[in-house]
Amino acid sequence: MISALAGSLGAGCELAVLIGIWWGFDRAAALLHVALPGAVLGLLALIAAFGLKLVDPERLRRGSNLLLRHLLLFFLPPMLVLRAHPEMLGWLGLKLLAVISLGTVAVMTATGLAVQFMMRDDG
């Protein structure tokens, strides 16, 4: 049904189908109290539908390309923050970037070491 609906109209319909999948799985995740976000569940379901040949990826190509062409709009709010706080482009921003980067590396390293330690104890 999704393939027929998306294939019969243009990119706007394909975009509506993609948004409908996201919205439906977002609502389902909220109602079922699933730990994964609805967008991830929708993506997994769409990948499964592609793999099972229930949906032809070509039927959603124009809608997905439309989203990708306008991806910059999703980054507009951070750019507005940088315009409102230009100090983030100086030393303060570099310090913040360093702290976030080092913190991420520390957490990833500690997690990796903990997993290796736990795997060694189980073996």
N, C-alpha and C. Protein backbone atom coordinates (compact mmCIF):
# COMPACT_ATOMS: atom_id res chain seq x y z
N MET A 1 0.82 -1.20 0.00
CA MET A 1 0.00 0.00 0.00
C MET A 1 0.86 1.25 0.00
N ILE A 2 1.92 1.25 0.82
CA ILE A 2 2.79 2.42 0.87
C ILE A 2 3.44 2.65 -0.48
N SER A 3 3.89 1.55 -1.12
CA SER A 3 4.53 1.70 -2.42
C SER A 3 3.58 2.29 -3.45
N ALA A 4 2.35 1.81 -3.47
CA ALA A 4 1.38 2.31 -4.45
C ALA A 4 1.05 3.76 -4.19
N LEU A 5 0.87 4.12 -2.93
CA LEU A 5 0.53 5.50 -2.58
C LEU A 5 1.66 6.45 -2.93
N ALA A 6 2.88 6.09 -2.55
CA ALA A 6 4.00 6.98 -2.80
C ALA A 6 4.35 7.03 -4.28
N GLY A 7 4.16 5.92 -4.99
CA GLY A 7 4.54 5.89 -6.39
C GLY A 7 3.59 6.63 -7.30
N SER A 8 2.35 6.81 -6.87
CA SER A 8 1.37 7.41 -7.75
C SER A 8 1.45 8.94 -7.76
N LEU A 9 2.04 9.53 -6.75
CA LEU A 9 2.15 10.99 -6.69
C LEU A 9 3.61 11.39 -6.66
N GLY A 10 3.88 12.65 -6.42
CA GLY A 10 5.24 13.15 -6.48
C GLY A 10 5.97 13.13 -5.15
N ALA A 11 7.00 13.97 -5.09
CA ALA A 11 7.87 14.02 -3.91
C ALA A 11 7.10 14.43 -2.66
N GLY A 12 6.08 15.26 -2.82
CA GLY A 12 5.30 15.70 -1.65
C GLY A 12 4.60 14.53 -0.98
N CYS A 13 4.06 13.62 -1.77
CA CYS A 13 3.40 12.44 -1.22
C CYS A 13 4.42 11.52 -0.57
N GLU A 14 5.57 11.35 -1.22
CA GLU A 14 6.61 10.52 -0.65
C GLU A 14 7.08 11.10 0.68
N LEU A 15 7.20 12.42 0.75
CA LEU A 15 7.58 13.07 1.99
C LEU A 15 6.51 12.86 3.05
N ALA A 16 5.25 12.93 2.66
CA ALA A 16 4.15 12.70 3.60
C ALA A 16 4.18 11.26 4.13
N VAL A 17 4.51 10.31 3.26
CA VAL A 17 4.62 8.91 3.70
C VAL A 17 5.75 8.77 4.72
N LEU A 18 6.89 9.37 4.43
CA LEU A 18 8.02 9.31 5.38
C LEU A 18 7.68 9.96 6.71
N ILE A 19 7.02 11.11 6.66
CA ILE A 19 6.61 11.79 7.89
C ILE A 19 5.57 10.95 8.62
N GLY A 20 4.67 10.32 7.88
CA GLY A 20 3.67 9.45 8.51
C GLY A 20 4.29 8.27 9.21
N ILE A 21 5.31 7.67 8.59
CA ILE A 21 6.02 6.56 9.23
C ILE A 21 6.68 7.04 10.52
N TRP A 22 7.37 8.18 10.45
CA TRP A 22 8.01 8.73 11.64
C TRP A 22 6.97 9.00 12.73
N TRP A 23 5.90 9.68 12.37
CA TRP A 23 4.88 10.06 13.35
C TRP A 23 4.22 8.83 13.96
N GLY A 24 3.87 7.86 13.14
CA GLY A 24 3.22 6.65 13.64
C GLY A 24 4.09 5.89 14.62
N PHE A 25 5.35 5.72 14.28
CA PHE A 25 6.23 4.99 15.19
C PHE A 25 6.59 5.83 16.41
N ASP A 26 6.60 7.14 16.28
CA ASP A 26 6.83 7.99 17.44
C ASP A 26 5.68 7.85 18.44
N ARG A 27 4.46 7.87 17.93
CA ARG A 27 3.28 7.67 18.80
C ARG A 27 3.30 6.27 19.42
N ALA A 28 3.63 5.26 18.63
CA ALA A 28 3.66 3.88 19.13
C ALA A 28 4.73 3.73 20.21
N ALA A 29 5.89 4.34 20.02
CA ALA A 29 6.95 4.25 21.03
C ALA A 29 6.52 4.93 22.32
N ALA A 30 5.81 6.05 22.20
CA ALA A 30 5.34 6.76 23.40
C ALA A 30 4.27 5.95 24.12
N LEU A 31 3.35 5.35 23.38
CA LEU A 31 2.27 4.58 24.00
C LEU A 31 2.77 3.28 24.63
N LEU A 32 3.75 2.66 23.98
CA LEU A 32 4.26 1.37 24.47
C LEU A 32 5.44 1.51 25.42
N HIS A 33 5.88 2.75 25.65
CA HIS A 33 7.01 3.04 26.54
C HIS A 33 8.26 2.27 26.14
N VAL A 34 8.54 2.31 24.84
CA VAL A 34 9.72 1.65 24.29
C VAL A 34 10.93 2.55 24.53
N ALA A 35 12.08 1.93 24.81
CA ALA A 35 13.29 2.71 25.10
C ALA A 35 13.86 3.41 23.88
N LEU A 36 13.56 2.91 22.68
CA LEU A 36 14.08 3.53 21.47
C LEU A 36 13.15 4.64 20.99
N PRO A 37 13.71 5.71 20.41
CA PRO A 37 12.86 6.76 19.84
C PRO A 37 12.06 6.23 18.66
N GLY A 38 10.91 6.83 18.44
CA GLY A 38 10.05 6.42 17.35
C GLY A 38 10.72 6.55 15.99
N ALA A 39 11.57 7.55 15.82
CA ALA A 39 12.27 7.73 14.55
C ALA A 39 13.17 6.54 14.25
N VAL A 40 13.83 6.01 15.28
CA VAL A 40 14.70 4.85 15.09
C VAL A 40 13.86 3.62 14.78
N LEU A 41 12.76 3.45 15.48
CA LEU A 41 11.87 2.32 15.22
C LEU A 41 11.31 2.38 13.80
N GLY A 42 10.91 3.57 13.37
CA GLY A 42 10.41 3.75 12.02
C GLY A 42 11.47 3.44 10.98
N LEU A 43 12.70 3.88 11.24
CA LEU A 43 13.80 3.59 10.32
C LEU A 43 14.03 2.08 10.23
N LEU A 44 14.04 1.40 11.38
CA LEU A 44 14.24 -0.05 11.38
C LEU A 44 13.10 -0.75 10.64
N ALA A 45 11.87 -0.30 10.85
CA ALA A 45 10.73 -0.89 10.15
C ALA A 45 10.82 -0.66 8.65
N LEU A 46 11.25 0.53 8.25
CA LEU A 46 11.38 0.83 6.83
C LEU A 46 12.49 0.00 6.19
N ILE A 47 13.60 -0.16 6.89
CA ILE A 47 14.68 -1.01 6.39
C ILE A 47 14.20 -2.45 6.25
N ALA A 48 13.45 -2.92 7.25
CA ALA A 48 12.89 -4.28 7.18
C ALA A 48 11.93 -4.40 5.99
N ALA A 49 11.11 -3.39 5.78
CA ALA A 49 10.18 -3.41 4.65
C ALA A 49 10.94 -3.42 3.32
N PHE A 50 12.05 -2.70 3.25
CA PHE A 50 12.88 -2.74 2.05
C PHE A 50 13.47 -4.14 1.86
N GLY A 51 14.00 -4.70 2.95
CA GLY A 51 14.62 -6.03 2.87
C GLY A 51 13.64 -7.12 2.51
N LEU A 52 12.40 -7.02 2.99
CA LEU A 52 11.38 -8.02 2.70
C LEU A 52 10.66 -7.75 1.38
N LYS A 53 11.11 -6.71 0.67
CA LYS A 53 10.53 -6.33 -0.62
C LYS A 53 9.05 -5.92 -0.50
N LEU A 54 8.67 -5.41 0.68
CA LEU A 54 7.32 -4.89 0.85
C LEU A 54 7.21 -3.47 0.30
N VAL A 55 8.33 -2.76 0.32
CA VAL A 55 8.38 -1.39 -0.19
C VAL A 55 9.59 -1.29 -1.12
N ASP A 56 9.38 -0.73 -2.28
CA ASP A 56 10.47 -0.50 -3.22
C ASP A 56 11.14 0.82 -2.85
N PRO A 57 12.45 0.81 -2.56
CA PRO A 57 13.13 2.06 -2.18
C PRO A 57 12.99 3.17 -3.22
N GLU A 58 12.85 2.80 -4.49
CA GLU A 58 12.68 3.80 -5.55
C GLU A 58 11.41 4.62 -5.35
N ARG A 59 10.41 4.04 -4.69
CA ARG A 59 9.13 4.73 -4.48
C ARG A 59 9.25 5.88 -3.50
N LEU A 60 10.31 5.89 -2.69
CA LEU A 60 10.50 6.95 -1.70
C LEU A 60 11.74 7.80 -1.99
N ARG A 61 12.35 7.58 -3.14
CA ARG A 61 13.60 8.27 -3.46
C ARG A 61 13.43 9.80 -3.55
N ARG A 62 12.39 10.25 -4.23
CA ARG A 62 12.22 11.71 -4.40
C ARG A 62 11.95 12.41 -3.08
N GLY A 63 11.15 11.79 -2.23
CA GLY A 63 10.87 12.38 -0.92
C GLY A 63 12.09 12.43 -0.03
N SER A 64 12.88 11.36 -0.05
CA SER A 64 14.09 11.35 0.77
C SER A 64 15.14 12.31 0.21
N ASN A 65 15.22 12.41 -1.10
CA ASN A 65 16.14 13.39 -1.70
C ASN A 65 15.74 14.81 -1.35
N LEU A 66 14.44 15.06 -1.29
CA LEU A 66 13.95 16.38 -0.89
C LEU A 66 14.43 16.73 0.52
N LEU A 67 14.33 15.76 1.43
CA LEU A 67 14.82 15.98 2.80
C LEU A 67 16.32 16.22 2.81
N LEU A 68 17.06 15.44 2.06
CA LEU A 68 18.52 15.59 2.05
C LEU A 68 18.95 16.92 1.44
N ARG A 69 18.24 17.39 0.41
CA ARG A 69 18.59 18.68 -0.20
C ARG A 69 18.39 19.84 0.76
N HIS A 70 17.45 19.69 1.69
CA HIS A 70 17.15 20.77 2.62
C HIS A 70 17.67 20.47 4.02
N LEU A 71 18.66 19.61 4.11
CA LEU A 71 19.22 19.22 5.40
C LEU A 71 19.81 20.42 6.15
N LEU A 72 20.31 21.40 5.42
CA LEU A 72 20.89 22.57 6.05
C LEU A 72 19.90 23.29 6.96
N LEU A 73 18.61 23.21 6.64
CA LEU A 73 17.60 23.86 7.48
C LEU A 73 17.58 23.29 8.89
N PHE A 74 17.97 22.01 9.04
CA PHE A 74 18.00 21.40 10.36
C PHE A 74 19.15 21.96 11.20
N PHE A 75 20.15 22.55 10.55
CA PHE A 75 21.29 23.12 11.26
C PHE A 75 21.14 24.63 11.46
N LEU A 76 20.04 25.19 11.05
CA LEU A 76 19.82 26.62 11.18
C LEU A 76 19.76 27.08 12.63
N PRO A 77 19.05 26.41 13.54
CA PRO A 77 19.04 26.87 14.94
C PRO A 77 20.42 26.98 15.57
N PRO A 78 21.33 26.00 15.39
CA PRO A 78 22.66 26.21 15.96
C PRO A 78 23.39 27.42 15.38
N MET A 79 23.15 27.69 14.10
CA MET A 79 23.80 28.85 13.50
C MET A 79 23.26 30.15 14.10
N LEU A 80 21.97 30.17 14.40
CA LEU A 80 21.40 31.36 15.03
C LEU A 80 21.96 31.57 16.44
N VAL A 81 22.23 30.48 17.14
CA VAL A 81 22.85 30.58 18.48
C VAL A 81 24.24 31.18 18.34
N LEU A 82 24.98 30.75 17.32
CA LEU A 82 26.32 31.31 17.13
C LEU A 82 26.27 32.80 16.80
N ARG A 83 25.24 33.21 16.09
CA ARG A 83 25.11 34.65 15.81
C ARG A 83 24.76 35.42 17.06
N ALA A 84 23.96 34.81 17.94
CA ALA A 84 23.57 35.48 19.18
C ALA A 84 24.69 35.48 20.21
N HIS A 85 25.57 34.48 20.14
CA HIS A 85 26.68 34.36 21.09
C HIS A 85 28.00 34.22 20.33
N PRO A 86 28.50 35.30 19.75
CA PRO A 86 29.71 35.22 18.94
C PRO A 86 30.94 34.80 19.75
N GLU A 87 30.88 34.91 21.07
CA GLU A 87 32.02 34.49 21.90
C GLU A 87 32.28 32.99 21.76
N MET A 88 31.29 32.25 21.29
CA MET A 88 31.48 30.81 21.09
C MET A 88 32.42 30.51 19.93
N LEU A 89 32.66 31.50 19.07
CA LEU A 89 33.59 31.32 17.97
C LEU A 89 35.03 31.64 18.37
N GLY A 90 35.25 32.07 19.61
CA GLY A 90 36.59 32.40 20.09
C GLY A 90 37.12 31.32 21.03
N TRP A 91 37.91 31.79 22.02
CA TRP A 91 38.53 30.87 22.98
C TRP A 91 37.50 30.10 23.80
N LEU A 92 36.43 30.76 24.16
CA LEU A 92 35.40 30.07 24.94
C LEU A 92 34.84 28.88 24.18
N GLY A 93 34.57 29.06 22.91
CA GLY A 93 34.06 27.97 22.08
C GLY A 93 35.08 26.85 21.93
N LEU A 94 36.36 27.21 21.76
CA LEU A 94 37.41 26.19 21.66
C LEU A 94 37.54 25.41 22.97
N LYS A 95 37.47 26.12 24.09
CA LYS A 95 37.54 25.43 25.39
C LYS A 95 36.36 24.48 25.56
N LEU A 96 35.19 24.95 25.20
CA LEU A 96 33.99 24.12 25.30
C LEU A 96 34.10 22.90 24.39
N LEU A 97 34.56 23.11 23.17
CA LEU A 97 34.75 22.00 22.24
C LEU A 97 35.77 20.99 22.78
N ALA A 98 36.85 21.49 23.38
CA ALA A 98 37.86 20.59 23.95
C ALA A 98 37.29 19.78 25.10
N VAL A 99 36.54 20.42 25.98
CA VAL A 99 35.95 19.70 27.12
C VAL A 99 34.97 18.64 26.63
N ILE A 100 34.13 18.99 25.68
CA ILE A 100 33.15 18.02 25.16
C ILE A 100 33.88 16.87 24.46
N SER A 101 34.89 17.18 23.66
CA SER A 101 35.63 16.13 22.95
C SER A 101 36.36 15.21 23.91
N LEU A 102 37.09 15.80 24.87
CA LEU A 102 37.82 14.97 25.83
C LEU A 102 36.86 14.16 26.70
N GLY A 103 35.75 14.73 27.08
CA GLY A 103 34.75 13.99 27.86
C GLY A 103 34.19 12.82 27.08
N THR A 104 33.92 13.03 25.80
CA THR A 104 33.41 11.95 24.96
C THR A 104 34.44 10.84 24.83
N VAL A 105 35.70 11.20 24.57
CA VAL A 105 36.76 10.20 24.46
C VAL A 105 36.93 9.45 25.78
N ALA A 106 36.87 10.16 26.92
CA ALA A 106 37.01 9.50 28.22
C ALA A 106 35.87 8.51 28.48
N VAL A 107 34.67 8.90 28.17
CA VAL A 107 33.52 8.00 28.38
C VAL A 107 33.62 6.79 27.46
N MET A 108 33.97 7.01 26.20
CA MET A 108 34.08 5.89 25.27
C MET A 108 35.20 4.94 25.68
N THR A 109 36.32 5.49 26.13
CA THR A 109 37.44 4.66 26.57
C THR A 109 37.06 3.86 27.81
N ALA A 110 36.46 4.52 28.78
CA ALA A 110 36.06 3.82 30.01
C ALA A 110 35.03 2.73 29.71
N THR A 111 34.11 3.00 28.82
CA THR A 111 33.11 1.99 28.45
C THR A 111 33.78 0.80 27.77
N GLY A 112 34.67 1.08 26.83
CA GLY A 112 35.40 0.01 26.15
C GLY A 112 36.21 -0.85 27.10
N LEU A 113 36.92 -0.19 28.03
CA LEU A 113 37.70 -0.94 29.01
C LEU A 113 36.82 -1.76 29.93
N ALA A 114 35.68 -1.20 30.33
CA ALA A 114 34.76 -1.94 31.21
C ALA A 114 34.20 -3.16 30.50
N VAL A 115 33.86 -3.02 29.22
CA VAL A 115 33.34 -4.15 28.46
C VAL A 115 34.42 -5.22 28.31
N GLN A 116 35.65 -4.82 28.01
CA GLN A 116 36.74 -5.78 27.89
C GLN A 116 36.99 -6.49 29.21
N PHE A 117 36.94 -5.75 30.31
CA PHE A 117 37.13 -6.34 31.63
C PHE A 117 36.04 -7.35 31.94
N MET A 118 34.79 -7.01 31.63
CA MET A 118 33.68 -7.90 31.89
C MET A 118 33.74 -9.14 30.99
N MET A 119 34.17 -8.97 29.76
CA MET A 119 34.27 -10.11 28.85
C MET A 119 35.40 -11.05 29.28
N ARG A 120 36.46 -10.50 29.83
CA ARG A 120 37.58 -11.31 30.29
C ARG A 120 37.19 -12.13 31.51
N ASP A 121 36.37 -11.55 32.40
CA ASP A 121 35.92 -12.27 33.59
C ASP A 121 34.97 -13.39 33.25
N ASP A 122 34.17 -13.22 32.18
CA ASP A 122 33.20 -14.25 31.80
C ASP A 122 33.88 -15.43 31.12
N GLY A 123 35.02 -15.17 30.47
CA GLY A 123 35.70 -16.21 29.70
C GLY A 123 36.39 -17.17 30.54
